[in-house]
Amino acid sequence: MRFFKNVFSQLHTFVLWALMSAIFWGWIFTLVTDAPPAKKITVYCYVPEIRDTELAVRLEEDKPDGIKMIQVHNFEYLLFNSGAVEFGDILILPASRIGEYEELLLPGVEGVKIYDAASRSGAAAAYLGYTEEDYYLFLGAKSVHLEDGAARAVADSLLAAP
């Protein structure tokens, strides 16, 4: 009986240690499984619904040489990592939001229409839940893959996705 009394009196300590351990091992897992920006392409999509894992797997089928992984995120991901979007390699934006994110886009290069709202057709429609407006694909201004052409290669693959 005394054993149970001791355990229950220290239960808050055990729970605290379990939470701290989960956070620590989650951080370690992220460090081990992530790649540096020079070895990955990051795609940010401003859509309400996204099948990000499936799209990343599809894009990794044709990934350029030297690229270890391709990550696809919704803009909601930025709630947890607000500075990440400025280093995005590819951005998919609705026409109404282009001005809001203009400083993140490669200057002097127009976006490529990826979804046409009038015809309700576009690339990667099986993965991205477009709304009732046109969407455009842009290369990020601070992408580390502008020189090596990897961002453009992934963008071409994205435009060819069903």
Protein backbone atom coordinates (compact mmCIF):
# COMPACT_ATOMS: atom_id res chain seq x y z
CA MET A 1 0.00 0.00 0.00
CA ARG A 2 2.84 2.36 0.85
CA PHE A 3 4.35 1.75 -2.62
CA PHE A 4 1.17 2.92 -4.39
CA LYS A 5 0.91 5.91 -2.09
CA ASN A 6 4.46 6.96 -3.02
CA VAL A 7 3.82 6.44 -6.74
CA PHE A 8 0.62 8.47 -6.73
CA SER A 9 2.16 11.25 -4.66
CA GLN A 10 4.92 11.60 -7.30
CA LEU A 11 2.65 11.11 -10.35
CA HIS A 12 3.02 14.74 -11.48
CA THR A 13 6.83 14.28 -11.58
CA PHE A 14 6.54 11.15 -13.71
CA VAL A 15 4.16 12.85 -16.14
CA LEU A 16 6.47 15.86 -16.41
CA TRP A 17 9.47 13.63 -17.17
CA ALA A 18 7.45 11.71 -19.77
CA LEU A 19 6.47 14.97 -21.52
CA MET A 20 10.03 16.27 -21.47
CA SER A 21 11.29 12.96 -22.86
CA ALA A 22 8.71 13.01 -25.69
CA ILE A 23 9.68 16.57 -26.65
CA PHE A 24 13.40 15.73 -26.54
CA TRP A 25 13.08 12.59 -28.67
CA GLY A 26 10.77 14.39 -31.10
CA TRP A 27 13.45 17.05 -31.54
CA ILE A 28 16.12 14.38 -32.07
CA PHE A 29 13.91 12.61 -34.63
CA THR A 30 13.44 15.89 -36.52
CA LEU A 31 17.19 16.56 -36.58
CA VAL A 32 17.96 13.07 -37.84
CA THR A 33 15.28 12.91 -40.55
CA ASP A 34 15.53 16.49 -41.88
CA ALA A 35 17.97 17.61 -44.55
CA PRO A 36 19.84 20.92 -44.91
CA PRO A 37 18.34 23.46 -47.34
CA ALA A 38 21.00 22.63 -49.94
CA LYS A 39 19.74 19.04 -50.05
CA LYS A 40 15.97 19.60 -50.06
CA ILE A 41 13.29 21.44 -51.99
CA THR A 42 10.46 23.03 -50.01
CA VAL A 43 7.08 23.75 -51.61
CA TYR A 44 4.54 26.00 -49.86
CA CYS A 45 0.93 25.89 -51.02
CA TYR A 46 -1.72 28.45 -50.08
CA VAL A 47 -4.68 26.07 -50.37
CA PRO A 48 -7.35 25.08 -47.85
CA GLU A 49 -6.82 21.34 -48.36
CA ILE A 50 -3.65 19.51 -49.26
CA ARG A 51 -2.44 15.94 -49.50
CA ASP A 52 1.11 16.99 -48.70
CA THR A 53 2.66 13.60 -48.02
CA GLU A 54 1.27 12.08 -51.21
CA LEU A 55 2.40 15.06 -53.28
CA ALA A 56 5.90 14.96 -51.76
CA VAL A 57 6.16 11.24 -52.58
CA ARG A 58 5.00 11.94 -56.16
CA LEU A 59 7.55 14.74 -56.60
CA GLU A 60 10.36 12.66 -55.12
CA GLU A 61 9.90 10.13 -57.93
CA ASP A 62 11.58 12.63 -60.28
CA LYS A 63 13.78 14.52 -57.82
CA PRO A 64 16.91 16.15 -59.28
CA ASP A 65 20.40 14.86 -58.56
CA GLY A 66 21.81 16.07 -55.26
CA ILE A 67 18.38 16.49 -53.66
CA LYS A 68 17.74 14.24 -50.68
CA MET A 69 14.10 15.12 -50.03
CA ILE A 70 11.16 17.25 -51.12
CA GLN A 71 8.87 18.76 -48.51
CA VAL A 72 5.38 20.06 -49.23
CA HIS A 73 3.68 22.29 -46.67
CA ASN A 74 0.47 24.24 -46.40
CA PHE A 75 0.83 27.86 -45.33
CA GLU A 76 -0.71 26.81 -42.00
CA TYR A 77 2.64 25.13 -41.29
CA LEU A 78 4.06 28.64 -40.96
CA LEU A 79 2.09 29.17 -37.76
CA PHE A 80 4.76 27.00 -36.12
CA ASN A 81 7.76 28.15 -38.18
CA SER A 82 7.06 31.71 -39.31
CA GLY A 83 10.44 32.48 -40.88
CA ALA A 84 10.52 29.40 -43.09
CA VAL A 85 8.42 30.70 -45.99
CA GLU A 86 11.01 33.26 -47.05
CA PHE A 87 13.35 30.39 -47.89
CA GLY A 88 10.71 28.39 -49.75
CA ASP A 89 11.88 27.14 -53.12
CA ILE A 90 8.42 27.00 -54.72
CA LEU A 91 5.27 28.86 -53.71
CA ILE A 92 1.74 28.22 -54.99
CA LEU A 93 -0.48 31.22 -54.38
CA PRO A 94 -4.02 32.27 -55.29
CA ALA A 95 -4.26 35.37 -57.47
CA SER A 96 -5.71 37.37 -54.55
CA ARG A 97 -2.63 36.77 -52.34
CA ILE A 98 0.20 37.43 -54.78
CA GLY A 99 0.63 41.05 -53.71
CA GLU A 100 0.76 40.04 -50.06
CA TYR A 101 3.76 37.74 -50.66
CA GLU A 102 5.43 39.63 -53.50
CA GLU A 103 8.70 40.15 -51.59
CA LEU A 104 9.12 36.36 -51.37
CA LEU A 105 8.84 35.79 -55.11
CA LEU A 106 11.69 35.76 -57.60
CA PRO A 107 11.77 39.28 -59.05
CA GLY A 108 11.32 39.73 -62.77
CA VAL A 109 9.81 36.27 -63.25
CA GLU A 110 6.08 35.89 -63.70
CA GLY A 111 4.23 33.08 -62.04
CA VAL A 112 2.98 30.16 -64.07
CA LYS A 113 -0.76 29.52 -63.88
CA ILE A 114 -1.13 26.14 -62.21
CA TYR A 115 -4.92 26.20 -61.82
CA ASP A 116 -7.58 27.86 -63.95
CA ALA A 117 -10.76 28.53 -61.98
CA ALA A 118 -12.91 29.09 -65.08
CA SER A 119 -12.23 25.63 -66.46
CA ARG A 120 -11.73 24.07 -63.01
CA SER A 121 -8.58 22.34 -64.17
CA GLY A 122 -4.96 22.49 -63.27
CA ALA A 123 -1.83 20.64 -62.29
CA ALA A 124 -1.64 18.61 -59.09
CA ALA A 125 -5.41 18.93 -58.61
CA ALA A 126 -5.43 15.41 -57.17
CA TYR A 127 -3.26 16.71 -54.29
CA LEU A 128 -4.23 20.36 -53.86
CA GLY A 129 -7.71 21.56 -52.92
CA TYR A 130 -7.98 24.71 -55.01
CA THR A 131 -10.69 27.30 -54.37
CA GLU A 132 -12.70 29.31 -56.88
CA GLU A 133 -9.83 31.48 -58.13
CA ASP A 134 -6.75 31.13 -60.30
CA TYR A 135 -3.54 29.85 -58.70
CA TYR A 136 0.03 30.57 -59.76
CA LEU A 137 3.33 28.81 -59.18
CA PHE A 138 6.35 30.97 -58.30
CA LEU A 139 9.99 30.34 -57.51
CA GLY A 140 11.15 31.71 -54.17
CA ALA A 141 13.44 34.74 -54.21
CA LYS A 142 15.79 33.26 -51.58
CA SER A 143 15.75 29.70 -52.87
CA VAL A 144 19.17 28.07 -52.69
CA HIS A 145 18.25 26.03 -55.78
CA LEU A 146 17.95 28.81 -58.35
CA GLU A 147 21.54 28.36 -59.54
CA ASP A 148 21.55 24.58 -59.83
CA GLY A 149 18.13 24.40 -61.52
CA ALA A 150 16.68 21.96 -58.99
CA ALA A 151 13.80 24.28 -58.06
CA ARG A 152 12.82 24.68 -61.71
CA ALA A 153 13.02 20.89 -62.26
CA VAL A 154 10.69 20.22 -59.32
CA ALA A 155 8.37 23.01 -60.53
CA ASP A 156 8.21 21.32 -63.95
CA SER A 157 7.44 18.00 -62.25
CA LEU A 158 4.74 19.70 -60.20
CA LEU A 159 3.17 21.20 -63.31
CA ALA A 160 3.07 17.73 -64.87
CA ALA A 161 1.42 16.10 -61.81
CA PRO A 162 -2.21 14.98 -62.25
